[in-house]
Amino acid sequence: METERLVFREYTKNDFEHLYMMTSDPNVMKYIRHGNPWTKEETMQTLERFIERNKMGTGLFLAFDKEDKQLIGTSGLIPQVIEGTNELEVGYWVRELYWGQGYGYEQAKAWKDYGLQLGEKRLISLIQHGNEGSMRVAQKNGMIHEKDVDIIGKNVAVFSIEV
């Protein structure tokens, strides 16, 4: 899949450095999972999960700039279980170097549109409180703040869109 500026591709075993570039950055990881940079071991375990999910057509995919081939971030459709209900999350991260340039929205919109093309009637984004940039991206992407839920010990906002 691609957008005006981005091309997406599946993770491979050779992408450890790409993923670790993001997971080792405290600013990128501030609102991801436990909120701290990941160890190399945690990153490798996660990379293996990403590769498995990609084989099923879900999970996060790498996003590269079409022109200069630089890694911009990672995004995709992530299966989640929220309060006992199966959901599909539009998830996105952007490397700090590219913050404020519209890449979060570009990724989120692409995956929302793709999910709707697949026939999904409802999509969500899970955003930790304090992550105002991602909340603005979700709203610009047509999502509304539906409720708050507790996930892995954190209170998280659920943004959703239904068709």
N, C-alpha and C. Protein backbone atom coordinates (compact mmCIF):
# COMPACT_ATOMS: atom_id res chain seq x y z
N MET A 1 0.85 -1.18 0.00
CA MET A 1 0.00 0.00 0.00
C MET A 1 0.90 1.24 0.00
N GLU A 2 0.36 2.31 -0.56
CA GLU A 2 1.11 3.56 -0.53
C GLU A 2 0.17 4.75 -0.49
N THR A 3 0.74 5.91 -0.12
CA THR A 3 0.02 7.17 -0.10
C THR A 3 0.77 8.14 -1.00
N GLU A 4 0.41 9.40 -0.93
CA GLU A 4 1.10 10.39 -1.75
C GLU A 4 2.60 10.43 -1.47
N ARG A 5 2.97 10.35 -0.18
CA ARG A 5 4.39 10.46 0.18
C ARG A 5 5.01 9.18 0.73
N LEU A 6 4.19 8.18 1.06
CA LEU A 6 4.69 7.02 1.78
C LEU A 6 4.45 5.72 1.04
N VAL A 7 5.32 4.77 1.30
CA VAL A 7 5.13 3.40 0.86
C VAL A 7 5.26 2.52 2.10
N PHE A 8 4.36 1.53 2.21
CA PHE A 8 4.34 0.64 3.36
C PHE A 8 4.82 -0.74 2.95
N ARG A 9 5.49 -1.41 3.88
CA ARG A 9 5.87 -2.79 3.61
C ARG A 9 5.92 -3.58 4.91
N GLU A 10 5.80 -4.90 4.74
CA GLU A 10 5.85 -5.82 5.88
C GLU A 10 7.22 -5.77 6.55
N TYR A 11 7.22 -6.13 7.82
CA TYR A 11 8.48 -6.32 8.55
C TYR A 11 9.14 -7.62 8.13
N THR A 12 10.47 -7.64 8.17
CA THR A 12 11.24 -8.86 7.96
C THR A 12 12.23 -8.98 9.12
N LYS A 13 12.90 -10.11 9.19
CA LYS A 13 13.90 -10.32 10.25
C LYS A 13 15.06 -9.31 10.12
N ASN A 14 15.22 -8.73 8.95
CA ASN A 14 16.30 -7.76 8.75
C ASN A 14 15.94 -6.35 9.23
N ASP A 15 14.75 -6.17 9.80
CA ASP A 15 14.29 -4.84 10.18
C ASP A 15 14.49 -4.50 11.65
N PHE A 16 15.32 -5.27 12.35
CA PHE A 16 15.54 -4.97 13.76
C PHE A 16 16.00 -3.53 13.96
N GLU A 17 16.97 -3.09 13.18
CA GLU A 17 17.51 -1.72 13.36
C GLU A 17 16.45 -0.67 13.07
N HIS A 18 15.61 -0.90 12.08
CA HIS A 18 14.52 0.05 11.80
C HIS A 18 13.60 0.17 13.02
N LEU A 19 13.20 -0.98 13.56
CA LEU A 19 12.29 -0.96 14.70
C LEU A 19 12.98 -0.38 15.94
N TYR A 20 14.21 -0.78 16.17
CA TYR A 20 14.93 -0.30 17.36
C TYR A 20 15.20 1.20 17.28
N MET A 21 15.31 1.75 16.09
CA MET A 21 15.47 3.20 15.93
C MET A 21 14.30 3.92 16.59
N MET A 22 13.12 3.33 16.51
CA MET A 22 11.92 3.93 17.11
C MET A 22 11.76 3.52 18.56
N THR A 23 11.93 2.23 18.86
CA THR A 23 11.63 1.75 20.21
C THR A 23 12.66 2.19 21.25
N SER A 24 13.83 2.61 20.81
CA SER A 24 14.85 3.09 21.75
C SER A 24 14.74 4.59 21.99
N ASP A 25 13.86 5.28 21.29
CA ASP A 25 13.69 6.73 21.43
C ASP A 25 12.65 7.01 22.51
N PRO A 26 13.07 7.61 23.63
CA PRO A 26 12.11 7.85 24.73
C PRO A 26 10.94 8.74 24.34
N ASN A 27 11.14 9.66 23.42
CA ASN A 27 10.04 10.54 23.02
C ASN A 27 9.02 9.82 22.16
N VAL A 28 9.47 8.95 21.27
CA VAL A 28 8.55 8.17 20.45
C VAL A 28 7.76 7.20 21.33
N MET A 29 8.43 6.60 22.32
CA MET A 29 7.81 5.55 23.12
C MET A 29 7.05 6.07 24.34
N LYS A 30 7.05 7.36 24.54
CA LYS A 30 6.41 7.94 25.72
C LYS A 30 4.96 7.49 25.89
N TYR A 31 4.24 7.35 24.80
CA TYR A 31 2.83 6.96 24.87
C TYR A 31 2.55 5.59 24.24
N ILE A 32 3.59 4.77 24.11
CA ILE A 32 3.44 3.43 23.57
C ILE A 32 3.67 2.43 24.71
N ARG A 33 2.75 1.50 24.83
CA ARG A 33 2.81 0.43 25.83
C ARG A 33 3.11 0.98 27.22
N HIS A 34 4.24 0.64 27.82
CA HIS A 34 4.54 1.06 29.20
C HIS A 34 5.15 2.46 29.29
N GLY A 35 5.42 3.09 28.15
CA GLY A 35 5.87 4.48 28.15
C GLY A 35 7.36 4.70 28.26
N ASN A 36 8.13 3.64 28.17
CA ASN A 36 9.59 3.74 28.26
C ASN A 36 10.23 3.13 27.02
N PRO A 37 11.48 3.54 26.72
CA PRO A 37 12.18 2.88 25.61
C PRO A 37 12.24 1.38 25.86
N TRP A 38 12.26 0.63 24.77
CA TRP A 38 12.31 -0.82 24.88
C TRP A 38 13.75 -1.30 24.83
N THR A 39 13.99 -2.43 25.49
CA THR A 39 15.29 -3.08 25.41
C THR A 39 15.44 -3.73 24.03
N LYS A 40 16.64 -4.13 23.70
CA LYS A 40 16.86 -4.84 22.44
C LYS A 40 16.07 -6.15 22.44
N GLU A 41 16.02 -6.82 23.59
CA GLU A 41 15.29 -8.08 23.69
C GLU A 41 13.79 -7.85 23.47
N GLU A 42 13.23 -6.83 24.11
CA GLU A 42 11.81 -6.52 23.94
C GLU A 42 11.51 -6.16 22.48
N THR A 43 12.41 -5.41 21.87
CA THR A 43 12.23 -5.04 20.46
C THR A 43 12.28 -6.26 19.56
N MET A 44 13.21 -7.19 19.81
CA MET A 44 13.31 -8.40 18.99
C MET A 44 12.06 -9.26 19.14
N GLN A 45 11.55 -9.41 20.37
CA GLN A 45 10.33 -10.20 20.59
C GLN A 45 9.15 -9.55 19.85
N THR A 46 9.08 -8.24 19.90
CA THR A 46 8.00 -7.53 19.23
C THR A 46 8.14 -7.64 17.72
N LEU A 47 9.36 -7.54 17.21
CA LEU A 47 9.59 -7.71 15.77
C LEU A 47 9.06 -9.07 15.31
N GLU A 48 9.32 -10.11 16.08
CA GLU A 48 8.84 -11.44 15.71
C GLU A 48 7.31 -11.48 15.67
N ARG A 49 6.65 -10.80 16.63
CA ARG A 49 5.18 -10.73 16.61
C ARG A 49 4.68 -9.94 15.41
N PHE A 50 5.36 -8.83 15.09
CA PHE A 50 4.97 -8.03 13.93
C PHE A 50 5.05 -8.87 12.65
N ILE A 51 6.12 -9.65 12.50
CA ILE A 51 6.29 -10.49 11.31
C ILE A 51 5.16 -11.51 11.22
N GLU A 52 4.80 -12.13 12.33
CA GLU A 52 3.71 -13.11 12.34
C GLU A 52 2.38 -12.46 11.98
N ARG A 53 2.10 -11.29 12.55
CA ARG A 53 0.84 -10.60 12.24
C ARG A 53 0.80 -10.18 10.78
N ASN A 54 1.94 -9.71 10.25
CA ASN A 54 1.98 -9.29 8.85
C ASN A 54 1.63 -10.44 7.92
N LYS A 55 2.00 -11.66 8.28
CA LYS A 55 1.66 -12.82 7.45
C LYS A 55 0.15 -12.99 7.33
N MET A 56 -0.58 -12.49 8.36
CA MET A 56 -2.04 -12.58 8.35
C MET A 56 -2.68 -11.31 7.79
N GLY A 57 -1.83 -10.36 7.34
CA GLY A 57 -2.34 -9.13 6.76
C GLY A 57 -2.69 -8.05 7.76
N THR A 58 -2.31 -8.25 9.02
CA THR A 58 -2.60 -7.26 10.05
C THR A 58 -1.32 -6.85 10.76
N GLY A 59 -1.49 -6.00 11.75
CA GLY A 59 -0.35 -5.53 12.53
C GLY A 59 0.25 -4.27 11.94
N LEU A 60 1.40 -3.92 12.48
CA LEU A 60 2.09 -2.71 12.02
C LEU A 60 3.00 -3.02 10.84
N PHE A 61 3.09 -2.07 9.92
CA PHE A 61 3.94 -2.16 8.74
C PHE A 61 4.87 -0.95 8.76
N LEU A 62 6.04 -1.10 8.18
CA LEU A 62 6.98 0.02 8.09
C LEU A 62 6.50 1.03 7.06
N ALA A 63 6.72 2.31 7.35
CA ALA A 63 6.34 3.39 6.43
C ALA A 63 7.61 4.14 6.03
N PHE A 64 7.88 4.19 4.74
CA PHE A 64 9.07 4.86 4.22
C PHE A 64 8.67 6.01 3.30
N ASP A 65 9.48 7.05 3.29
CA ASP A 65 9.31 8.15 2.37
C ASP A 65 9.59 7.63 0.96
N LYS A 66 8.70 7.91 0.02
CA LYS A 66 8.86 7.43 -1.36
C LYS A 66 10.11 7.99 -2.02
N GLU A 67 10.40 9.26 -1.74
CA GLU A 67 11.51 9.90 -2.45
C GLU A 67 12.87 9.53 -1.90
N ASP A 68 13.08 9.75 -0.59
CA ASP A 68 14.43 9.53 -0.05
C ASP A 68 14.59 8.18 0.66
N LYS A 69 13.51 7.38 0.69
CA LYS A 69 13.53 6.02 1.26
C LYS A 69 13.81 5.99 2.76
N GLN A 70 13.69 7.13 3.45
CA GLN A 70 13.93 7.17 4.89
C GLN A 70 12.74 6.60 5.66
N LEU A 71 13.04 5.93 6.77
CA LEU A 71 11.99 5.40 7.62
C LEU A 71 11.27 6.56 8.30
N ILE A 72 9.95 6.61 8.13
CA ILE A 72 9.12 7.66 8.73
C ILE A 72 8.47 7.15 10.00
N GLY A 73 8.01 5.91 9.98
CA GLY A 73 7.33 5.36 11.14
C GLY A 73 6.82 3.97 10.87
N THR A 74 5.80 3.60 11.61
CA THR A 74 5.17 2.30 11.46
C THR A 74 3.69 2.46 11.74
N SER A 75 2.87 1.69 11.03
CA SER A 75 1.42 1.85 11.19
C SER A 75 0.72 0.64 10.61
N GLY A 76 -0.57 0.53 10.93
CA GLY A 76 -1.34 -0.58 10.38
C GLY A 76 -2.64 -0.79 11.12
N LEU A 77 -3.23 -1.95 10.89
CA LEU A 77 -4.47 -2.37 11.53
C LEU A 77 -4.14 -3.48 12.52
N ILE A 78 -4.43 -3.23 13.79
CA ILE A 78 -4.01 -4.13 14.86
C ILE A 78 -5.22 -4.72 15.56
N PRO A 79 -5.37 -6.05 15.55
CA PRO A 79 -6.47 -6.66 16.29
C PRO A 79 -6.30 -6.40 17.80
N GLN A 80 -7.38 -5.99 18.45
CA GLN A 80 -7.38 -5.71 19.88
C GLN A 80 -8.63 -6.34 20.49
N VAL A 81 -8.59 -6.62 21.77
CA VAL A 81 -9.78 -7.02 22.52
C VAL A 81 -9.99 -5.95 23.59
N ILE A 82 -11.09 -5.22 23.47
CA ILE A 82 -11.40 -4.14 24.39
C ILE A 82 -12.68 -4.50 25.13
N GLU A 83 -12.55 -4.65 26.43
CA GLU A 83 -13.69 -5.01 27.28
C GLU A 83 -14.45 -6.21 26.71
N GLY A 84 -13.70 -7.22 26.27
CA GLY A 84 -14.29 -8.45 25.77
C GLY A 84 -14.77 -8.42 24.34
N THR A 85 -14.57 -7.30 23.66
CA THR A 85 -15.02 -7.16 22.27
C THR A 85 -13.82 -7.10 21.33
N ASN A 86 -13.89 -7.88 20.25
CA ASN A 86 -12.84 -7.82 19.23
C ASN A 86 -12.96 -6.51 18.46
N GLU A 87 -11.86 -5.79 18.37
CA GLU A 87 -11.82 -4.50 17.66
C GLU A 87 -10.63 -4.53 16.71
N LEU A 88 -10.64 -3.60 15.77
CA LEU A 88 -9.51 -3.42 14.87
C LEU A 88 -9.04 -1.99 15.03
N GLU A 89 -7.78 -1.85 15.45
CA GLU A 89 -7.22 -0.54 15.76
C GLU A 89 -6.41 0.01 14.59
N VAL A 90 -6.62 1.28 14.28
CA VAL A 90 -5.74 2.02 13.39
C VAL A 90 -4.62 2.55 14.28
N GLY A 91 -3.43 1.98 14.12
CA GLY A 91 -2.29 2.37 14.96
C GLY A 91 -1.21 3.02 14.12
N TYR A 92 -0.48 3.95 14.72
CA TYR A 92 0.57 4.66 13.99
C TYR A 92 1.59 5.26 14.95
N TRP A 93 2.85 5.18 14.56
CA TRP A 93 3.95 5.86 15.24
C TRP A 93 4.69 6.64 14.17
N VAL A 94 5.27 7.75 14.58
CA VAL A 94 6.10 8.55 13.68
C VAL A 94 7.42 8.83 14.38
N ARG A 95 8.52 8.64 13.67
CA ARG A 95 9.83 9.00 14.23
C ARG A 95 9.84 10.49 14.56
N GLU A 96 10.48 10.83 15.67
CA GLU A 96 10.46 12.21 16.15
C GLU A 96 10.96 13.20 15.11
N LEU A 97 11.92 12.83 14.32
CA LEU A 97 12.47 13.69 13.27
C LEU A 97 11.39 14.19 12.32
N TYR A 98 10.28 13.44 12.21
CA TYR A 98 9.23 13.75 11.24
C TYR A 98 7.93 14.24 11.89
N TRP A 99 7.96 14.52 13.17
CA TRP A 99 6.77 15.04 13.85
C TRP A 99 6.37 16.39 13.25
N GLY A 100 5.09 16.66 13.25
CA GLY A 100 4.57 17.94 12.80
C GLY A 100 4.54 18.13 11.30
N GLN A 101 4.75 17.06 10.53
CA GLN A 101 4.77 17.16 9.07
C GLN A 101 3.60 16.42 8.41
N GLY A 102 2.63 16.01 9.21
CA GLY A 102 1.44 15.37 8.67
C GLY A 102 1.56 13.88 8.42
N TYR A 103 2.66 13.27 8.83
CA TYR A 103 2.84 11.84 8.56
C TYR A 103 1.95 10.95 9.42
N GLY A 104 1.65 11.39 10.65
CA GLY A 104 0.75 10.61 11.49
C GLY A 104 -0.62 10.51 10.84
N TYR A 105 -1.15 11.65 10.41
CA TYR A 105 -2.45 11.66 9.76
C TYR A 105 -2.42 10.89 8.44
N GLU A 106 -1.37 11.06 7.67
CA GLU A 106 -1.28 10.37 6.38
C GLU A 106 -1.32 8.85 6.57
N GLN A 107 -0.61 8.36 7.58
CA GLN A 107 -0.64 6.92 7.87
C GLN A 107 -2.01 6.49 8.38
N ALA A 108 -2.54 7.24 9.35
CA ALA A 108 -3.83 6.88 9.95
C ALA A 108 -4.95 6.87 8.92
N LYS A 109 -4.98 7.87 8.06
CA LYS A 109 -6.03 7.94 7.03
C LYS A 109 -5.91 6.77 6.06
N ALA A 110 -4.69 6.45 5.66
CA ALA A 110 -4.49 5.33 4.73
C ALA A 110 -5.01 4.03 5.31
N TRP A 111 -4.72 3.77 6.57
CA TRP A 111 -5.15 2.51 7.18
C TRP A 111 -6.64 2.52 7.49
N LYS A 112 -7.19 3.67 7.86
CA LYS A 112 -8.64 3.75 8.06
C LYS A 112 -9.34 3.45 6.74
N ASP A 113 -8.92 4.11 5.67
CA ASP A 113 -9.53 3.89 4.36
C ASP A 113 -9.40 2.43 3.93
N TYR A 114 -8.24 1.84 4.17
CA TYR A 114 -8.02 0.44 3.81
C TYR A 114 -8.96 -0.47 4.59
N GLY A 115 -9.07 -0.23 5.91
CA GLY A 115 -9.96 -1.03 6.74
C GLY A 115 -11.40 -0.94 6.27
N LEU A 116 -11.84 0.26 5.90
CA LEU A 116 -13.20 0.42 5.42
C LEU A 116 -13.39 -0.27 4.06
N GLN A 117 -12.36 -0.23 3.21
CA GLN A 117 -12.42 -0.93 1.92
C GLN A 117 -12.54 -2.44 2.12
N LEU A 118 -11.98 -2.94 3.21
CA LEU A 118 -12.07 -4.37 3.52
C LEU A 118 -13.45 -4.75 4.05
N GLY A 119 -14.28 -3.73 4.29
CA GLY A 119 -15.63 -4.02 4.77
C GLY A 119 -15.81 -3.87 6.27
N GLU A 120 -14.79 -3.39 6.96
CA GLU A 120 -14.93 -3.17 8.40
C GLU A 120 -15.98 -2.09 8.63
N LYS A 121 -16.83 -2.29 9.60
CA LYS A 121 -17.88 -1.32 9.92
C LYS A 121 -17.48 -0.39 11.05
N ARG A 122 -16.42 -0.76 11.77
CA ARG A 122 -15.98 0.02 12.93
C ARG A 122 -14.47 -0.13 13.08
N LEU A 123 -13.82 0.98 13.32
CA LEU A 123 -12.38 0.99 13.60
C LEU A 123 -12.16 1.87 14.82
N ILE A 124 -11.09 1.58 15.55
CA ILE A 124 -10.75 2.38 16.72
C ILE A 124 -9.30 2.81 16.66
N SER A 125 -8.95 3.77 17.49
CA SER A 125 -7.56 4.09 17.80
C SER A 125 -7.48 4.20 19.32
N LEU A 126 -6.47 3.56 19.90
CA LEU A 126 -6.23 3.60 21.33
C LEU A 126 -5.12 4.60 21.58
N ILE A 127 -5.41 5.63 22.38
CA ILE A 127 -4.45 6.70 22.57
C ILE A 127 -4.33 7.02 24.06
N GLN A 128 -3.09 6.96 24.55
CA GLN A 128 -2.87 7.27 25.96
C GLN A 128 -3.11 8.75 26.20
N HIS A 129 -3.71 9.04 27.35
CA HIS A 129 -3.98 10.43 27.71
C HIS A 129 -2.66 11.20 27.79
N GLY A 130 -2.70 12.41 27.33
CA GLY A 130 -1.50 13.24 27.25
C GLY A 130 -0.93 13.30 25.85
N ASN A 131 -1.28 12.34 25.01
CA ASN A 131 -0.77 12.29 23.64
C ASN A 131 -1.71 13.13 22.75
N GLU A 132 -1.62 14.43 22.94
CA GLU A 132 -2.53 15.35 22.25
C GLU A 132 -2.37 15.29 20.73
N GLY A 133 -1.15 15.11 20.25
CA GLY A 133 -0.93 15.03 18.80
C GLY A 133 -1.70 13.88 18.17
N SER A 134 -1.63 12.70 18.79
CA SER A 134 -2.34 11.55 18.25
C SER A 134 -3.85 11.70 18.39
N MET A 135 -4.28 12.38 19.44
CA MET A 135 -5.72 12.63 19.58
C MET A 135 -6.22 13.54 18.47
N ARG A 136 -5.43 14.55 18.12
CA ARG A 136 -5.81 15.43 17.00
C ARG A 136 -5.84 14.64 15.69
N VAL A 137 -4.87 13.75 15.50
CA VAL A 137 -4.84 12.92 14.29
C VAL A 137 -6.11 12.07 14.21
N ALA A 138 -6.49 11.44 15.31
CA ALA A 138 -7.70 10.60 15.31
C ALA A 138 -8.94 11.43 14.97
N GLN A 139 -9.04 12.61 15.55
CA GLN A 139 -10.20 13.47 15.27
C GLN A 139 -10.22 13.91 13.81
N LYS A 140 -9.06 14.30 13.29
CA LYS A 140 -8.97 14.70 11.88
C LYS A 140 -9.32 13.52 10.97
N ASN A 141 -9.09 12.32 11.46
CA ASN A 141 -9.36 11.10 10.71
C ASN A 141 -10.83 10.66 10.85
N GLY A 142 -11.66 11.53 11.43
CA GLY A 142 -13.09 11.26 11.52
C GLY A 142 -13.52 10.48 12.75
N MET A 143 -12.60 10.25 13.67
CA MET A 143 -12.91 9.48 14.87
C MET A 143 -13.37 10.39 16.00
N ILE A 144 -14.18 9.84 16.88
CA ILE A 144 -14.62 10.58 18.06
C ILE A 144 -14.16 9.85 19.32
N HIS A 145 -13.95 10.62 20.40
CA HIS A 145 -13.59 10.02 21.68
C HIS A 145 -14.83 9.36 22.24
N GLU A 146 -14.81 8.05 22.25
CA GLU A 146 -15.96 7.26 22.67
C GLU A 146 -16.00 7.01 24.17
N LYS A 147 -14.84 6.62 24.71
CA LYS A 147 -14.77 6.27 26.13
C LYS A 147 -13.31 6.10 26.53
N ASP A 148 -13.10 5.88 27.82
CA ASP A 148 -11.79 5.54 28.34
C ASP A 148 -11.83 4.12 28.87
N VAL A 149 -10.74 3.39 28.72
CA VAL A 149 -10.62 2.02 29.22
C VAL A 149 -9.26 1.85 29.87
N ASP A 150 -9.15 0.84 30.72
CA ASP A 150 -7.87 0.51 31.33
C ASP A 150 -7.24 -0.63 30.55
N ILE A 151 -6.02 -0.38 30.07
CA ILE A 151 -5.26 -1.39 29.32
C ILE A 151 -3.86 -1.40 29.89
N ILE A 152 -3.38 -2.58 30.21
CA ILE A 152 -2.05 -2.79 30.82
C ILE A 152 -1.73 -1.73 31.88
N GLY A 153 -2.70 -1.47 32.74
CA GLY A 153 -2.47 -0.56 33.85
C GLY A 153 -2.50 0.92 33.50
N LYS A 154 -2.95 1.25 32.30
CA LYS A 154 -3.03 2.65 31.88
C LYS A 154 -4.45 2.98 31.46
N ASN A 155 -4.86 4.21 31.76
CA ASN A 155 -6.15 4.69 31.30
C ASN A 155 -5.95 5.23 29.89
N VAL A 156 -6.67 4.66 28.94
CA VAL A 156 -6.47 4.94 27.52
C VAL A 156 -7.78 5.41 26.89
N ALA A 157 -7.68 6.41 26.03
CA ALA A 157 -8.85 6.91 25.30
C ALA A 157 -9.11 6.01 24.10
N VAL A 158 -10.37 5.66 23.90
CA VAL A 158 -10.79 4.91 22.72
C VAL A 158 -11.46 5.89 21.78
N PHE A 159 -10.85 6.11 20.63
CA PHE A 159 -11.46 6.90 19.56
C PHE A 159 -12.03 5.91 18.57
N SER A 160 -13.18 6.21 17.98
CA SER A 160 -13.79 5.25 17.06
C SER A 160 -14.47 5.96 15.89
N ILE A 161 -14.65 5.17 14.85
CA ILE A 161 -15.44 5.59 13.69
C ILE A 161 -16.27 4.39 13.28
N GLU A 162 -17.55 4.64 12.96
CA GLU A 162 -18.45 3.57 12.51
C GLU A 162 -19.11 4.01 11.22
N VAL A 163 -19.31 3.03 10.34
CA VAL A 163 -19.99 3.31 9.08
C VAL A 163 -21.24 2.45 8.96
